[in-house]
Amino acid sequence: MTVANEVEFRRLRADELRARAAADAVAIIPFGSIEQHGPHLPVEVDSLLGNEVALRTARKMDARGTPVVVLPAVWTGVSEHHMEFGGTITLDLATYAALAEGICRSLVRHGFRRLVLLNGHGGNDNALRCITDELTPRLGVPIIQFTYWHPTQDLIAAELDTQTSLLHACEAETAMTMALRPYLVAEARIPAASQAMEYVQPGPYRWRTLGSVSASGVIGNPAAASAAKGERLLDVISTRLADLLCNADLWAAPWKQGG
């Protein structure tokens, strides 16, 4: 049984989805990963959090009168830098780009004209930016792409006690997982997590494995996490993203000459 404000694509009938497309609904595609998250968190973290952020954002958009649907999360991504720890499924760039294009092309064929690639895994950043650059002119629709902690950096920093940004299996990710799946967080193992505090540095880019800087596969301080902090993070992040995606000027901005 569906309800008027259902936002999950997979829970709607085809006729309901045709109606959403005709109403110019925003289609949000969460992109995550399956990869190691240190000694204390499950490998689903990025997919879990990206999907939850997308759903909470969509429900707030719906409450403001913006039609929206959220696709099932793309559960694997570009994670070669985590492979040495095990527990990781990674795709090569060509396969990942083809998968993203197939999903977006299907949506456009069904009449959706506003697409959002909402990313929850840092390793997908470069790929999704390039995919957006290629698909926008190819499909002829505006595509918005962001990693959820980038436009919400200031809000995340304000909620954290030992970090200034979201990192990996860290204070922020551990807190949000505690809020959503507390039974999957091995809190007794948190002291085993090393606390390297950065992975990507400014300046010249160089690919390297996560293990080159963190023996435990953790970047950040999970010891400072709590479920209450995680709930606050999910709320402020989704509110900011709803503000962003409900902004008519975002969608009206021209992306080609004359339109």
C-alpha atoms as a PDB file:
ATOM      1  CA  MET A   1       0.000   0.000   0.000  1.00  0.00           C
ATOM      2  CA  THR A   2       1.347   3.424  -0.967  1.00  0.00           C
ATOM      3  CA  VAL A   3       0.606   6.826   0.503  1.00  0.00           C
ATOM      4  CA  ALA A   4       0.460  10.254  -1.068  1.00  0.00           C
ATOM      5  CA  ASN A   5       3.790  11.347   0.343  1.00  0.00           C
ATOM      6  CA  GLU A   6       5.768   8.170  -0.376  1.00  0.00           C
ATOM      7  CA  VAL A   7       9.206   9.184  -1.685  1.00  0.00           C
ATOM      8  CA  GLU A   8      10.879   5.799  -2.245  1.00  0.00           C
ATOM      9  CA  PHE A   9      10.926   5.007  -5.962  1.00  0.00           C
ATOM     10  CA  ARG A  10      10.814   1.252  -5.396  1.00  0.00           C
ATOM     11  CA  ARG A  11       7.638   1.470  -3.286  1.00  0.00           C
ATOM     12  CA  LEU A  12       5.632   3.275  -5.947  1.00  0.00           C
ATOM     13  CA  ARG A  13       3.688   1.820  -8.884  1.00  0.00           C
ATOM     14  CA  ALA A  14       4.639   2.616 -12.468  1.00  0.00           C
ATOM     15  CA  ASP A  15       1.561   4.827 -12.929  1.00  0.00           C
ATOM     16  CA  GLU A  16       2.458   6.762  -9.775  1.00  0.00           C
ATOM     17  CA  LEU A  17       5.982   7.266 -11.053  1.00  0.00           C
ATOM     18  CA  ARG A  18       4.662   8.479 -14.417  1.00  0.00           C
ATOM     19  CA  ALA A  19       2.609  11.018 -12.491  1.00  0.00           C
ATOM     20  CA  ARG A  20       5.651  12.123 -10.497  1.00  0.00           C
ATOM     21  CA  ALA A  21       7.645  12.607 -13.685  1.00  0.00           C
ATOM     22  CA  ALA A  22       4.770  14.622 -15.194  1.00  0.00           C
ATOM     23  CA  ALA A  23       4.811  16.801 -12.061  1.00  0.00           C
ATOM     24  CA  ASP A  24       8.523  17.532 -12.639  1.00  0.00           C
ATOM     25  CA  ALA A  25       9.641  15.572  -9.580  1.00  0.00           C
ATOM     26  CA  VAL A  26      13.276  15.703  -8.533  1.00  0.00           C
ATOM     27  CA  ALA A  27      14.852  12.241  -8.793  1.00  0.00           C
ATOM     28  CA  ILE A  28      17.577  11.650  -6.204  1.00  0.00           C
ATOM     29  CA  ILE A  29      20.030   8.792  -6.768  1.00  0.00           C
ATOM     30  CA  PRO A  30      22.136   7.993  -3.667  1.00  0.00           C
ATOM     31  CA  PHE A  31      25.622   6.675  -4.442  1.00  0.00           C
ATOM     32  CA  GLY A  32      27.441   4.772  -1.699  1.00  0.00           C
ATOM     33  CA  SER A  33      29.936   1.966  -1.291  1.00  0.00           C
ATOM     34  CA  ILE A  34      30.574  -1.361   0.357  1.00  0.00           C
ATOM     35  CA  GLU A  35      33.984  -1.068   1.972  1.00  0.00           C
ATOM     36  CA  GLN A  36      35.860  -1.525   5.213  1.00  0.00           C
ATOM     37  CA  HIS A  37      35.112   0.963   7.956  1.00  0.00           C
ATOM     38  CA  GLY A  38      37.697   0.115  10.560  1.00  0.00           C
ATOM     39  CA  PRO A  39      37.427  -2.418  13.374  1.00  0.00           C
ATOM     40  CA  HIS A  40      34.086  -1.145  14.699  1.00  0.00           C
ATOM     41  CA  LEU A  41      31.695  -0.342  11.829  1.00  0.00           C
ATOM     42  CA  PRO A  42      29.942  -2.461   9.170  1.00  0.00           C
ATOM     43  CA  VAL A  43      30.956  -2.234   5.527  1.00  0.00           C
ATOM     44  CA  GLU A  44      27.574  -0.731   4.558  1.00  0.00           C
ATOM     45  CA  VAL A  45      28.216   2.631   6.235  1.00  0.00           C
ATOM     46  CA  ASP A  46      28.516   4.848   3.145  1.00  0.00           C
ATOM     47  CA  SER A  47      25.504   3.276   1.447  1.00  0.00           C
ATOM     48  CA  LEU A  48      23.488   3.350   4.665  1.00  0.00           C
ATOM     49  CA  LEU A  49      24.245   6.992   5.423  1.00  0.00           C
ATOM     50  CA  GLY A  50      23.934   8.226   1.842  1.00  0.00           C
ATOM     51  CA  ASN A  51      20.547   6.532   1.505  1.00  0.00           C
ATOM     52  CA  GLU A  52      19.320   7.894   4.845  1.00  0.00           C
ATOM     53  CA  VAL A  53      20.431  11.426   4.011  1.00  0.00           C
ATOM     54  CA  ALA A  54      18.645  11.155   0.652  1.00  0.00           C
ATOM     55  CA  LEU A  55      15.413   9.908   2.237  1.00  0.00           C
ATOM     56  CA  ARG A  56      15.374  12.510   5.005  1.00  0.00           C
ATOM     57  CA  THR A  57      16.132  15.251   2.483  1.00  0.00           C
ATOM     58  CA  ALA A  58      13.354  14.045   0.194  1.00  0.00           C
ATOM     59  CA  ARG A  59      10.777  13.901   2.992  1.00  0.00           C
ATOM     60  CA  LYS A  60      11.582  17.494   3.936  1.00  0.00           C
ATOM     61  CA  MET A  61      11.315  18.525   0.290  1.00  0.00           C
ATOM     62  CA  ASP A  62       7.965  16.753   0.009  1.00  0.00           C
ATOM     63  CA  ALA A  63       6.711  18.543   3.124  1.00  0.00           C
ATOM     64  CA  ARG A  64       7.495  21.837   1.375  1.00  0.00           C
ATOM     65  CA  GLY A  65       5.524  20.825  -1.700  1.00  0.00           C
ATOM     66  CA  THR A  66       8.407  19.796  -3.970  1.00  0.00           C
ATOM     67  CA  PRO A  67       7.653  16.477  -5.718  1.00  0.00           C
ATOM     68  CA  VAL A  68      10.558  14.071  -5.285  1.00  0.00           C
ATOM     69  CA  VAL A  69      11.528  10.411  -5.485  1.00  0.00           C
ATOM     70  CA  VAL A  70      14.591   8.580  -4.149  1.00  0.00           C
ATOM     71  CA  LEU A  71      16.036   5.714  -6.158  1.00  0.00           C
ATOM     72  CA  PRO A  72      17.454   2.616  -4.444  1.00  0.00           C
ATOM     73  CA  ALA A  73      21.028   3.376  -3.422  1.00  0.00           C
ATOM     74  CA  VAL A  74      23.859   2.371  -5.727  1.00  0.00           C
ATOM     75  CA  TRP A  75      25.599   0.220  -3.136  1.00  0.00           C
ATOM     76  CA  THR A  76      29.085  -0.112  -4.601  1.00  0.00           C
ATOM     77  CA  GLY A  77      31.526   2.452  -5.886  1.00  0.00           C
ATOM     78  CA  VAL A  78      35.142   3.406  -6.519  1.00  0.00           C
ATOM     79  CA  SER A  79      37.004   1.951  -3.523  1.00  0.00           C
ATOM     80  CA  GLU A  80      40.321   0.558  -4.729  1.00  0.00           C
ATOM     81  CA  HIS A  81      42.105   2.471  -1.962  1.00  0.00           C
ATOM     82  CA  HIS A  82      40.346   0.299   0.647  1.00  0.00           C
ATOM     83  CA  MET A  83      40.964  -3.097  -0.932  1.00  0.00           C
ATOM     84  CA  GLU A  84      43.972  -4.051   1.199  1.00  0.00           C
ATOM     85  CA  PHE A  85      41.772  -4.233   4.308  1.00  0.00           C
ATOM     86  CA  GLY A  86      39.277  -6.729   2.861  1.00  0.00           C
ATOM     87  CA  GLY A  87      35.499  -6.418   3.055  1.00  0.00           C
ATOM     88  CA  THR A  88      35.442  -4.078   0.063  1.00  0.00           C
ATOM     89  CA  ILE A  89      33.724  -4.288  -3.343  1.00  0.00           C
ATOM     90  CA  THR A  90      35.070  -1.878  -5.940  1.00  0.00           C
ATOM     91  CA  LEU A  91      34.272  -1.050  -9.559  1.00  0.00           C
ATOM     92  CA  ASP A  92      36.529   0.212 -12.311  1.00  0.00           C
ATOM     93  CA  LEU A  93      35.694   3.650 -13.626  1.00  0.00           C
ATOM     94  CA  ALA A  94      34.213   2.512 -16.948  1.00  0.00           C
ATOM     95  CA  THR A  95      31.805   0.101 -15.255  1.00  0.00           C
ATOM     96  CA  TYR A  96      30.810   2.688 -12.671  1.00  0.00           C
ATOM     97  CA  ALA A  97      30.179   5.344 -15.320  1.00  0.00           C
ATOM     98  CA  ALA A  98      28.118   2.915 -17.413  1.00  0.00           C
ATOM     99  CA  LEU A  99      26.012   1.983 -14.390  1.00  0.00           C
ATOM    100  CA  ALA A 100      25.347   5.627 -13.519  1.00  0.00           C
ATOM    101  CA  GLU A 101      24.472   6.454 -17.125  1.00  0.00           C
ATOM    102  CA  GLY A 102      22.060   3.529 -17.393  1.00  0.00           C
ATOM    103  CA  ILE A 103      20.160   4.695 -14.317  1.00  0.00           C
ATOM    104  CA  CYS A 104      20.058   8.332 -15.420  1.00  0.00           C
ATOM    105  CA  ARG A 105      19.131   7.472 -19.002  1.00  0.00           C
ATOM    106  CA  SER A 106      16.227   5.311 -17.785  1.00  0.00           C
ATOM    107  CA  LEU A 107      14.902   8.162 -15.648  1.00  0.00           C
ATOM    108  CA  VAL A 108      15.110  10.641 -18.514  1.00  0.00           C
ATOM    109  CA  ARG A 109      13.317   8.229 -20.875  1.00  0.00           C
ATOM    110  CA  HIS A 110      10.480   8.083 -18.345  1.00  0.00           C
ATOM    111  CA  GLY A 111      10.176  11.860 -18.230  1.00  0.00           C
ATOM    112  CA  PHE A 112      12.227  12.901 -15.219  1.00  0.00           C
ATOM    113  CA  ARG A 113      14.025  16.159 -15.949  1.00  0.00           C
ATOM    114  CA  ARG A 114      15.713  17.034 -12.648  1.00  0.00           C
ATOM    115  CA  LEU A 115      18.326  14.550 -11.462  1.00  0.00           C
ATOM    116  CA  VAL A 116      20.460  14.588  -8.321  1.00  0.00           C
ATOM    117  CA  LEU A 117      23.518  12.386  -7.854  1.00  0.00           C
ATOM    118  CA  LEU A 118      23.833  12.405  -4.048  1.00  0.00           C
ATOM    119  CA  ASN A 119      27.137  10.891  -3.036  1.00  0.00           C
ATOM    120  CA  GLY A 120      28.007   9.296   0.306  1.00  0.00           C
ATOM    121  CA  HIS A 121      31.548   8.011  -0.388  1.00  0.00           C
ATOM    122  CA  GLY A 122      34.603  10.214  -0.879  1.00  0.00           C
ATOM    123  CA  GLY A 123      36.176   7.812  -3.375  1.00  0.00           C
ATOM    124  CA  ASN A 124      33.279   8.471  -5.770  1.00  0.00           C
ATOM    125  CA  ASP A 125      33.877  12.232  -5.859  1.00  0.00           C
ATOM    126  CA  ASN A 126      36.061  12.536  -8.942  1.00  0.00           C
ATOM    127  CA  ALA A 127      34.126   9.915 -10.895  1.00  0.00           C
ATOM    128  CA  LEU A 128      30.722  11.445 -10.260  1.00  0.00           C
ATOM    129  CA  ARG A 129      31.921  14.934 -11.167  1.00  0.00           C
ATOM    130  CA  CYS A 130      33.205  13.644 -14.519  1.00  0.00           C
ATOM    131  CA  ILE A 131      30.037  11.598 -15.051  1.00  0.00           C
ATOM    132  CA  THR A 132      27.956  14.732 -14.453  1.00  0.00           C
ATOM    133  CA  ASP A 133      30.059  16.667 -16.954  1.00  0.00           C
ATOM    134  CA  GLU A 134      29.445  14.025 -19.619  1.00  0.00           C
ATOM    135  CA  LEU A 135      25.810  13.160 -18.926  1.00  0.00           C
ATOM    136  CA  THR A 136      24.395  16.684 -18.694  1.00  0.00           C
ATOM    137  CA  PRO A 137      24.913  17.521 -22.401  1.00  0.00           C
ATOM    138  CA  ARG A 138      24.394  13.899 -23.469  1.00  0.00           C
ATOM    139  CA  LEU A 139      21.002  13.541 -21.805  1.00  0.00           C
ATOM    140  CA  GLY A 140      19.972  17.168 -22.144  1.00  0.00           C
ATOM    141  CA  VAL A 141      18.781  17.710 -18.569  1.00  0.00           C
ATOM    142  CA  PRO A 142      20.226  19.546 -15.551  1.00  0.00           C
ATOM    143  CA  ILE A 143      22.056  17.188 -13.198  1.00  0.00           C
ATOM    144  CA  ILE A 144      23.066  18.290  -9.708  1.00  0.00           C
ATOM    145  CA  GLN A 145      25.929  16.367  -8.094  1.00  0.00           C
ATOM    146  CA  PHE A 146      27.376  16.711  -4.610  1.00  0.00           C
ATOM    147  CA  THR A 147      28.863  14.709  -1.775  1.00  0.00           C
ATOM    148  CA  TYR A 148      26.542  15.332   1.152  1.00  0.00           C
ATOM    149  CA  TRP A 149      29.174  16.636   3.574  1.00  0.00           C
ATOM    150  CA  HIS A 150      30.525  19.300   1.211  1.00  0.00           C
ATOM    151  CA  PRO A 151      27.577  21.760   1.156  1.00  0.00           C
ATOM    152  CA  THR A 152      26.996  21.042   4.852  1.00  0.00           C
ATOM    153  CA  GLN A 153      30.599  21.358   6.077  1.00  0.00           C
ATOM    154  CA  ASP A 154      29.911  24.220   8.470  1.00  0.00           C
ATOM    155  CA  LEU A 155      26.929  22.465  10.061  1.00  0.00           C
ATOM    156  CA  ILE A 156      28.862  19.222  10.524  1.00  0.00           C
ATOM    157  CA  ALA A 157      31.818  21.022  12.101  1.00  0.00           C
ATOM    158  CA  ALA A 158      29.493  22.726  14.585  1.00  0.00           C
ATOM    159  CA  GLU A 159      28.231  19.336  15.833  1.00  0.00           C
ATOM    160  CA  LEU A 160      31.635  17.670  16.200  1.00  0.00           C
ATOM    161  CA  ASP A 161      33.916  17.872  19.233  1.00  0.00           C
ATOM    162  CA  THR A 162      37.224  16.523  17.907  1.00  0.00           C
ATOM    163  CA  GLN A 163      37.054  16.974  14.125  1.00  0.00           C
ATOM    164  CA  THR A 164      36.372  19.866  11.773  1.00  0.00           C
ATOM    165  CA  SER A 165      34.916  17.712   8.993  1.00  0.00           C
ATOM    166  CA  LEU A 166      33.499  14.290   8.201  1.00  0.00           C
ATOM    167  CA  LEU A 167      36.318  11.803   7.560  1.00  0.00           C
ATOM    168  CA  HIS A 168      36.174   7.975   7.472  1.00  0.00           C
ATOM    169  CA  ALA A 169      34.719   5.681  10.174  1.00  0.00           C
ATOM    170  CA  CYS A 170      35.196   8.773  12.299  1.00  0.00           C
ATOM    171  CA  GLU A 171      33.363  10.772  14.936  1.00  0.00           C
ATOM    172  CA  ALA A 172      30.649  11.741  12.415  1.00  0.00           C
ATOM    173  CA  GLU A 173      30.153   8.456  10.572  1.00  0.00           C
ATOM    174  CA  THR A 174      30.269   6.455  13.795  1.00  0.00           C
ATOM    175  CA  ALA A 175      27.738   8.770  15.423  1.00  0.00           C
ATOM    176  CA  MET A 176      25.269   8.551  12.526  1.00  0.00           C
ATOM    177  CA  THR A 177      25.628   4.763  12.394  1.00  0.00           C
ATOM    178  CA  MET A 178      24.968   4.640  16.141  1.00  0.00           C
ATOM    179  CA  ALA A 179      21.760   6.597  15.518  1.00  0.00           C
ATOM    180  CA  LEU A 180      20.597   4.290  12.722  1.00  0.00           C
ATOM    181  CA  ARG A 181      22.098   0.835  13.445  1.00  0.00           C
ATOM    182  CA  PRO A 182      23.423   0.827  17.029  1.00  0.00           C
ATOM    183  CA  TYR A 183      23.479  -2.971  17.085  1.00  0.00           C
ATOM    184  CA  LEU A 184      26.030  -2.972  14.243  1.00  0.00           C
ATOM    185  CA  VAL A 185      28.528  -0.713  16.006  1.00  0.00           C
ATOM    186  CA  ALA A 186      31.171  -2.716  17.916  1.00  0.00           C
ATOM    187  CA  GLU A 187      31.815  -0.050  20.540  1.00  0.00           C
ATOM    188  CA  ALA A 188      34.251  -2.238  22.478  1.00  0.00           C
ATOM    189  CA  ARG A 189      36.514  -2.217  19.428  1.00  0.00           C
ATOM    190  CA  ILE A 190      36.638   1.556  19.019  1.00  0.00           C
ATOM    191  CA  PRO A 191      39.837   1.872  21.121  1.00  0.00           C
ATOM    192  CA  ALA A 192      41.577  -0.293  18.490  1.00  0.00           C
ATOM    193  CA  ALA A 193      41.003   2.384  15.848  1.00  0.00           C
ATOM    194  CA  SER A 194      44.010   4.522  15.041  1.00  0.00           C
ATOM    195  CA  GLN A 195      43.301   8.215  14.799  1.00  0.00           C
ATOM    196  CA  ALA A 196      44.979   9.598  11.715  1.00  0.00           C
ATOM    197  CA  MET A 197      43.209  12.903  11.124  1.00  0.00           C
ATOM    198  CA  GLU A 198      43.611  13.439   7.399  1.00  0.00           C
ATOM    199  CA  TYR A 199      43.955  11.508   4.173  1.00  0.00           C
ATOM    200  CA  VAL A 200      43.615  13.952   1.274  1.00  0.00           C
ATOM    201  CA  GLN A 201      46.025  16.864   1.531  1.00  0.00           C
ATOM    202  CA  PRO A 202      45.994  20.169  -0.381  1.00  0.00           C
ATOM    203  CA  GLY A 203      48.453  20.542  -3.214  1.00  0.00           C
ATOM    204  CA  PRO A 204      49.528  18.053  -5.887  1.00  0.00           C
ATOM    205  CA  TYR A 205      47.265  15.026  -6.177  1.00  0.00           C
ATOM    206  CA  ARG A 206      48.697  11.577  -5.586  1.00  0.00           C
ATOM    207  CA  TRP A 207      46.728   8.344  -5.375  1.00  0.00           C
ATOM    208  CA  ARG A 208      47.519   6.187  -2.359  1.00  0.00           C
ATOM    209  CA  THR A 209      45.858   3.491  -0.288  1.00  0.00           C
ATOM    210  CA  LEU A 210      44.138   4.314   2.977  1.00  0.00           C
ATOM    211  CA  GLY A 211      46.463   1.856   4.689  1.00  0.00           C
ATOM    212  CA  SER A 212      49.396   4.134   3.851  1.00  0.00           C
ATOM    213  CA  VAL A 213      48.199   6.535   6.553  1.00  0.00           C
ATOM    214  CA  SER A 214      46.019   4.426   8.866  1.00  0.00           C
ATOM    215  CA  ALA A 215      46.791   0.918  10.091  1.00  0.00           C
ATOM    216  CA  SER A 216      43.198   0.430  11.286  1.00  0.00           C
ATOM    217  CA  GLY A 217      41.422   1.850   8.239  1.00  0.00           C
ATOM    218  CA  VAL A 218      40.027   4.762  10.263  1.00  0.00           C
ATOM    219  CA  ILE A 219      40.535   8.478   9.672  1.00  0.00           C
ATOM    220  CA  GLY A 220      39.218  10.508  12.589  1.00  0.00           C
ATOM    221  CA  ASN A 221      38.143   9.932  16.184  1.00  0.00           C
ATOM    222  CA  PRO A 222      35.242   7.493  16.610  1.00  0.00           C
ATOM    223  CA  ALA A 223      35.657   7.596  20.409  1.00  0.00           C
ATOM    224  CA  ALA A 224      33.863  10.965  20.432  1.00  0.00           C
ATOM    225  CA  ALA A 225      30.731   9.602  18.727  1.00  0.00           C
ATOM    226  CA  SER A 226      27.265   9.241  20.220  1.00  0.00           C
ATOM    227  CA  ALA A 227      23.839   8.335  18.883  1.00  0.00           C
ATOM    228  CA  ALA A 228      22.442  11.723  19.918  1.00  0.00           C
ATOM    229  CA  LYS A 229      25.191  13.480  17.969  1.00  0.00           C
ATOM    230  CA  GLY A 230      24.450  11.268  14.971  1.00  0.00           C
ATOM    231  CA  GLU A 231      20.756  12.162  15.021  1.00  0.00           C
ATOM    232  CA  ARG A 232      21.586  15.866  15.142  1.00  0.00           C
ATOM    233  CA  LEU A 233      23.957  15.470  12.210  1.00  0.00           C
ATOM    234  CA  LEU A 234      21.364  13.681  10.085  1.00  0.00           C
ATOM    235  CA  ASP A 235      18.818  16.378  10.840  1.00  0.00           C
ATOM    236  CA  VAL A 236      20.970  19.410  10.058  1.00  0.00           C
ATOM    237  CA  ILE A 237      22.461  17.801   6.945  1.00  0.00           C
ATOM    238  CA  SER A 238      19.088  16.869   5.461  1.00  0.00           C
ATOM    239  CA  THR A 239      17.588  20.268   6.284  1.00  0.00           C
ATOM    240  CA  ARG A 240      20.409  22.099   4.486  1.00  0.00           C
ATOM    241  CA  LEU A 241      20.156  19.792   1.469  1.00  0.00           C
ATOM    242  CA  ALA A 242      16.376  20.261   1.297  1.00  0.00           C
ATOM    243  CA  ASP A 243      16.976  24.026   1.303  1.00  0.00           C
ATOM    244  CA  LEU A 244      19.429  23.570  -1.543  1.00  0.00           C
ATOM    245  CA  LEU A 245      17.265  21.324  -3.723  1.00  0.00           C
ATOM    246  CA  CYS A 246      14.033  23.272  -3.147  1.00  0.00           C
ATOM    247  CA  ASN A 247      15.712  26.443  -4.372  1.00  0.00           C
ATOM    248  CA  ALA A 248      14.133  27.211  -7.750  1.00  0.00           C
ATOM    249  CA  ASP A 249      17.157  29.276  -8.774  1.00  0.00           C
ATOM    250  CA  LEU A 250      19.359  26.164  -8.619  1.00  0.00           C
ATOM    251  CA  TRP A 251      17.286  24.464 -11.306  1.00  0.00           C
ATOM    252  CA  ALA A 252      16.585  27.603 -13.339  1.00  0.00           C
ATOM    253  CA  ALA A 253      20.250  28.521 -13.795  1.00  0.00           C
ATOM    254  CA  PRO A 254      21.162  28.105 -17.469  1.00  0.00           C
ATOM    255  CA  TRP A 255      23.604  25.319 -18.258  1.00  0.00           C
ATOM    256  CA  LYS A 256      24.004  25.983 -21.974  1.00  0.00           C
ATOM    257  CA  GLN A 257      23.853  29.004 -24.275  1.00  0.00           C
ATOM    258  CA  GLY A 258      20.270  30.179 -24.559  1.00  0.00           C
ATOM    259  CA  GLY A 259      18.875  27.920 -21.857  1.00  0.00           C
END
